[in-house]
Amino acid sequence: MYWKTRRLTLDLTRQGVIMGILNVTPDSFSDGGKHSGMENALVHARRMIAEGAAIIDIGGESTRPGAQEISATEEIQRTRPIIEALRAEWDGLISIDTMKASVAAAALAAGADIVNDVSGLQADPAMTPLCAETGCGVVVMHMQGDPRTMQRAPVYQDVVTEVRGFFANRFGELTAAGIDPMALCFDPGIGFGKNVDHNLELLRALDRLSVENRPLLLGISRKSFIGKILGESDVSFREWPTVAITACAREKGTMIHRVHSVRPNLEAIRMTEAILHQQG
């Protein structure tokens, strides 16, 4: 299994990778404001890289439930300088977390390799041709509704069948529009228009969600469904449950893990892989 990005192709045949989250927003659900500003952002990015992150995912607009949309201009002002600075000192993979084509274009021009779009490239009609033309890696996420409405009353007949069907449809549509099939990666969108039961059903079915041998990306880090299951509202107590889910997901074949804390999740992946694969 390979994932083709703008500069590098990741070999995901045997080893999974960590995508480290770098939110440069004042209002993200677990770390809002902590990494805004150039120096804070770079310090955190360097820490995640030192701990083994293969990808740094930079987001300038919160997509937490109920989040308010900001302008593309503001989103670019938050993200482009940090991408430029990080690219100047690191040759690893940089991802832009955005639904706006103009923000993605600015990020790619600044040195990003991947577009991570929570709308599945549906919010902005200019996003698909941009990704096709630039040859960037593309994360296509499933979301029911939008960040402002998605958690009000999500309903599915069969969440696993519907999410996998969405992936299959988007694969066909996006490749027909000129995006390289090898550039596509799919994210089931845990917590994006799903309740606790929906999230758990998807996690149980991770080994059945992939389409056309495309890799899955999983983003469950510190999410609210963990707190609901465990009866704990303090976000800081969601770290080890996140690691547990990462290990379980890797056993089911999920190869890209988007997390806040890099080292413990990477260690969970490598231990799981040591059990799965005979060494030597």
Protein backbone atom coordinates (compact mmCIF):
# COMPACT_ATOMS: atom_id res chain seq x y z
CA MET A 1 0.00 0.00 0.00
CA TYR A 2 1.43 3.34 -1.10
CA TRP A 3 0.24 6.92 -0.64
CA LYS A 4 1.51 9.41 -3.19
CA THR A 5 1.94 13.02 -2.07
CA ARG A 6 3.29 16.01 -3.90
CA ARG A 7 6.98 15.28 -3.20
CA LEU A 8 7.20 11.89 -1.51
CA THR A 9 5.44 8.54 -1.73
CA LEU A 10 4.83 6.82 1.60
CA ASP A 11 5.24 3.06 1.75
CA LEU A 12 2.49 1.90 4.11
CA THR A 13 2.80 -1.80 3.35
CA ARG A 14 4.09 -2.79 6.78
CA GLN A 15 4.52 0.33 8.90
CA GLY A 16 1.97 2.93 9.88
CA VAL A 17 2.77 6.60 10.39
CA ILE A 18 1.78 9.44 12.67
CA MET A 19 0.27 12.70 11.45
CA GLY A 20 0.91 15.22 14.22
CA ILE A 21 -1.77 17.85 14.80
CA LEU A 22 -0.68 21.49 14.79
CA ASN A 23 -3.69 23.71 15.45
CA VAL A 24 -2.84 27.39 15.02
CA THR A 25 -6.32 28.47 16.11
CA PRO A 26 -7.56 30.21 19.24
CA ASP A 27 -10.56 27.89 19.67
CA SER A 28 -9.76 24.24 18.90
CA PHE A 29 -11.43 21.86 21.34
CA SER A 30 -8.36 20.56 23.20
CA ASP A 31 -5.44 22.90 22.49
CA GLY A 32 -6.95 26.15 21.27
CA GLY A 33 -4.47 29.01 21.50
CA LYS A 34 -1.55 26.91 22.77
CA HIS A 35 0.29 26.84 19.44
CA SER A 36 -0.85 30.04 17.78
CA GLY A 37 1.94 32.43 16.84
CA MET A 38 5.05 31.53 14.89
CA GLU A 39 7.39 30.58 17.72
CA ASN A 40 4.88 28.48 19.67
CA ALA A 41 3.84 26.68 16.50
CA LEU A 42 7.40 25.87 15.44
CA VAL A 43 8.39 24.70 18.91
CA HIS A 44 5.48 22.27 18.96
CA ALA A 45 6.12 21.10 15.37
CA ARG A 46 9.77 20.43 16.19
CA ARG A 47 8.75 18.45 19.27
CA MET A 48 6.38 16.27 17.24
CA ILE A 49 9.01 15.72 14.55
CA ALA A 50 11.59 14.72 17.19
CA GLU A 51 9.08 12.22 18.57
CA GLY A 52 8.66 10.60 15.15
CA ALA A 53 5.84 12.33 13.29
CA ALA A 54 6.03 11.66 9.54
CA ILE A 55 3.45 14.36 8.74
CA ILE A 56 2.61 17.68 10.38
CA ASP A 57 -1.01 18.68 9.79
CA ILE A 58 -1.52 22.44 10.12
CA GLY A 59 -5.00 23.84 10.65
CA GLY A 60 -6.05 27.47 10.90
CA GLU A 61 -9.80 27.04 11.39
CA SER A 62 -11.47 25.02 14.13
CA THR A 63 -13.84 22.28 12.98
CA ARG A 64 -15.07 21.36 16.44
CA PRO A 65 -18.87 20.99 16.73
CA GLY A 66 -20.51 24.42 16.57
CA ALA A 67 -17.34 26.17 15.39
CA GLN A 68 -17.79 29.44 13.53
CA GLU A 69 -16.35 29.82 10.03
CA ILE A 70 -13.56 32.32 9.44
CA SER A 71 -12.54 34.02 6.20
CA ALA A 72 -10.04 32.47 3.81
CA THR A 73 -7.83 35.54 4.27
CA GLU A 74 -7.61 35.00 8.01
CA GLU A 75 -7.01 31.28 7.60
CA ILE A 76 -4.15 31.96 5.16
CA GLN A 77 -2.64 34.54 7.50
CA ARG A 78 -2.62 31.96 10.30
CA THR A 79 -1.17 29.05 8.32
CA ARG A 80 1.00 30.18 5.39
CA PRO A 81 3.86 31.78 7.39
CA ILE A 82 4.15 28.68 9.59
CA ILE A 83 4.20 26.34 6.58
CA GLU A 84 6.91 28.47 4.94
CA ALA A 85 9.01 28.48 8.10
CA LEU A 86 8.61 24.76 8.74
CA ARG A 87 9.40 23.88 5.13
CA ALA A 88 12.59 25.96 5.33
CA GLU A 89 13.94 23.72 8.09
CA TRP A 90 12.33 20.29 7.50
CA ASP A 91 11.95 18.05 4.45
CA GLY A 92 9.15 15.87 5.86
CA LEU A 93 5.50 15.96 4.85
CA ILE A 94 3.30 18.97 5.62
CA SER A 95 -0.48 18.84 5.39
CA ILE A 96 -2.98 21.70 5.31
CA ASP A 97 -6.26 21.05 7.12
CA THR A 98 -8.81 23.16 5.23
CA MET A 99 -12.06 23.07 3.25
CA LYS A 100 -11.18 26.17 1.20
CA ALA A 101 -9.37 25.90 -2.14
CA SER A 102 -7.74 29.32 -1.81
CA VAL A 103 -6.26 28.33 1.56
CA ALA A 104 -5.06 25.02 0.13
CA ALA A 105 -3.49 26.80 -2.85
CA ALA A 106 -1.62 29.20 -0.58
CA ALA A 107 -0.43 26.32 1.59
CA LEU A 108 0.76 24.27 -1.39
CA ALA A 109 2.60 27.31 -2.75
CA ALA A 110 4.24 27.70 0.66
CA GLY A 111 5.49 24.10 0.61
CA ALA A 112 2.67 21.82 1.78
CA ASP A 113 2.38 18.32 0.30
CA ILE A 114 -1.11 17.18 1.34
CA VAL A 115 -4.62 18.65 1.50
CA ASN A 116 -6.72 17.30 4.38
CA ASP A 117 -10.33 18.30 3.67
CA VAL A 118 -12.98 17.41 6.25
CA SER A 119 -15.71 18.02 3.67
CA GLY A 120 -14.36 15.31 1.38
CA LEU A 121 -13.62 17.94 -1.30
CA GLN A 122 -17.29 18.92 -1.45
CA ALA A 123 -17.39 22.31 0.28
CA ASP A 124 -15.49 24.22 -2.41
CA PRO A 125 -15.87 23.29 -6.11
CA ALA A 126 -12.39 24.62 -6.83
CA MET A 127 -10.73 22.10 -4.47
CA THR A 128 -10.88 19.06 -6.75
CA PRO A 129 -9.24 20.71 -9.80
CA LEU A 130 -6.60 22.25 -7.52
CA CYS A 131 -5.67 18.85 -6.08
CA ALA A 132 -5.65 17.28 -9.54
CA GLU A 133 -3.41 19.98 -11.00
CA THR A 134 -0.90 20.09 -8.15
CA GLY A 135 -0.60 16.34 -7.60
CA CYS A 136 -0.83 16.72 -3.84
CA GLY A 137 -1.82 13.96 -1.45
CA VAL A 138 -5.52 14.15 -0.60
CA VAL A 139 -7.36 13.13 2.58
CA VAL A 140 -11.08 12.66 1.85
CA MET A 141 -13.09 12.68 5.06
CA HIS A 142 -16.71 11.69 5.61
CA MET A 143 -18.87 14.20 7.46
CA GLN A 144 -22.63 14.33 7.82
CA GLY A 145 -23.68 18.00 7.80
CA ASP A 146 -21.09 20.68 8.53
CA PRO A 147 -19.12 21.66 11.65
CA ARG A 148 -21.86 24.03 12.76
CA THR A 149 -24.67 21.46 12.60
CA MET A 150 -23.11 18.00 12.43
CA GLN A 151 -23.70 16.88 16.01
CA ARG A 152 -27.30 18.00 16.45
CA ALA A 153 -28.98 14.73 15.48
CA PRO A 154 -26.89 12.48 13.20
CA VAL A 155 -28.93 9.62 11.69
CA TYR A 156 -27.86 6.61 9.62
CA GLN A 157 -29.57 3.44 8.49
CA ASP A 158 -26.18 1.66 8.53
CA VAL A 159 -23.25 3.93 9.27
CA VAL A 160 -20.58 1.46 8.08
CA THR A 161 -22.28 0.79 4.75
CA GLU A 162 -22.99 4.48 4.19
CA VAL A 163 -19.44 5.66 4.98
CA ARG A 164 -17.87 2.96 2.81
CA GLY A 165 -20.33 3.82 0.02
CA PHE A 166 -19.31 7.47 0.31
CA PHE A 167 -15.65 6.47 -0.06
CA ALA A 168 -16.40 4.38 -3.13
CA ASN A 169 -18.42 7.18 -4.74
CA ARG A 170 -15.79 9.81 -4.02
CA PHE A 171 -13.03 7.56 -5.34
CA GLY A 172 -14.86 7.26 -8.65
CA GLU A 173 -15.74 10.95 -8.86
CA LEU A 174 -12.32 12.27 -7.88
CA THR A 175 -10.31 9.95 -10.11
CA ALA A 176 -12.63 10.80 -13.01
CA ALA A 177 -11.86 14.45 -12.30
CA GLY A 178 -8.14 13.83 -12.70
CA ILE A 179 -6.85 13.09 -9.19
CA ASP A 180 -4.30 10.27 -9.18
CA PRO A 181 -5.84 7.23 -7.41
CA MET A 182 -2.56 6.75 -5.54
CA ALA A 183 -2.91 10.24 -4.05
CA LEU A 184 -6.17 9.43 -2.27
CA CYS A 185 -6.55 8.55 1.39
CA PHE A 186 -9.85 8.19 3.26
CA ASP A 187 -10.93 9.21 6.78
CA PRO A 188 -14.19 7.91 8.33
CA GLY A 189 -14.60 11.19 10.21
CA ILE A 190 -15.01 9.97 13.78
CA GLY A 191 -17.08 12.57 15.64
CA PHE A 192 -18.08 14.43 12.49
CA GLY A 193 -21.82 13.93 12.29
CA LYS A 194 -21.72 10.72 14.35
CA ASN A 195 -22.88 9.87 17.85
CA VAL A 196 -21.04 7.54 20.24
CA ASP A 197 -22.63 4.39 18.81
CA HIS A 198 -21.83 5.44 15.24
CA ASN A 199 -18.21 6.07 16.21
CA LEU A 200 -17.89 2.66 17.86
CA GLU A 201 -19.49 0.88 14.89
CA LEU A 202 -16.98 2.51 12.55
CA LEU A 203 -14.04 1.64 14.79
CA ARG A 204 -15.15 -2.00 14.89
CA ALA A 205 -15.34 -2.01 11.07
CA LEU A 206 -12.08 -0.27 10.18
CA ASP A 207 -10.81 -3.37 8.39
CA ARG A 208 -13.88 -3.23 6.10
CA LEU A 209 -13.88 0.47 5.17
CA SER A 210 -11.00 0.74 2.71
CA VAL A 211 -11.78 1.07 -1.01
CA GLU A 212 -9.46 0.26 -3.92
CA ASN A 213 -6.59 -0.55 -1.51
CA ARG A 214 -6.41 3.08 -0.45
CA PRO A 215 -5.09 3.80 3.05
CA LEU A 216 -7.30 4.92 5.91
CA LEU A 217 -6.48 7.87 8.13
CA LEU A 218 -8.00 7.86 11.62
CA GLY A 219 -8.48 10.95 13.77
CA ILE A 220 -9.76 10.05 17.23
CA SER A 221 -7.29 11.95 19.38
CA ARG A 222 -8.87 13.33 22.60
CA LYS A 223 -12.35 13.37 21.04
CA SER A 224 -15.46 13.87 23.12
CA PHE A 225 -16.88 10.38 22.56
CA ILE A 226 -13.97 9.04 24.65
CA GLY A 227 -15.02 11.23 27.55
CA LYS A 228 -18.66 10.19 27.15
CA ILE A 229 -17.79 6.50 27.24
CA LEU A 230 -15.51 6.87 30.26
CA GLY A 231 -17.60 9.46 32.10
CA GLU A 232 -14.73 11.95 32.16
CA SER A 233 -15.06 15.53 30.95
CA ASP A 234 -11.40 16.52 31.46
CA VAL A 235 -9.70 16.38 28.03
CA SER A 236 -6.33 15.58 29.64
CA PHE A 237 -7.67 12.15 30.68
CA ARG A 238 -8.28 11.13 27.04
CA GLU A 239 -4.62 10.55 26.12
CA TRP A 240 -4.27 6.89 27.10
CA PRO A 241 -7.68 5.89 25.71
CA THR A 242 -6.48 7.49 22.47
CA VAL A 243 -3.37 5.30 22.52
CA ALA A 244 -5.51 2.22 23.12
CA ILE A 245 -7.68 3.03 20.09
CA THR A 246 -4.56 3.66 17.98
CA ALA A 247 -3.23 0.18 18.78
CA CYS A 248 -6.59 -1.43 18.02
CA ALA A 249 -6.93 0.51 14.76
CA ARG A 250 -3.44 -0.46 13.62
CA GLU A 251 -4.27 -4.11 14.24
CA LYS A 252 -7.25 -3.63 11.91
CA GLY A 253 -5.02 -2.23 9.18
CA THR A 254 -5.33 1.55 9.66
CA MET A 255 -1.96 3.00 8.65
CA ILE A 256 -2.18 6.78 9.23
CA HIS A 257 -3.03 8.09 12.69
CA ARG A 258 -3.75 11.78 13.28
CA VAL A 259 -2.97 12.56 16.93
CA HIS A 260 -1.94 15.30 19.32
CA SER A 261 0.64 13.26 21.30
CA VAL A 262 3.09 11.65 18.91
CA ARG A 263 5.43 9.43 20.93
CA PRO A 264 2.97 7.23 22.87
CA ASN A 265 0.82 6.64 19.79
CA LEU A 266 3.82 5.83 17.60
CA GLU A 267 5.07 3.40 20.24
CA ALA A 268 1.64 1.74 20.28
CA ILE A 269 1.79 1.35 16.50
CA ARG A 270 5.29 -0.14 16.55
CA MET A 271 4.46 -2.61 19.34
CA THR A 272 1.34 -3.70 17.49
CA GLU A 273 3.36 -4.16 14.30
CA ALA A 274 5.95 -6.24 16.15
CA ILE A 275 3.15 -8.58 17.23
CA LEU A 276 1.55 -8.64 13.76
CA HIS A 277 4.73 -9.21 11.73
CA GLN A 278 7.35 -11.87 12.29
CA GLN A 279 10.71 -10.17 12.65
CA GLY A 280 13.86 -11.11 10.75
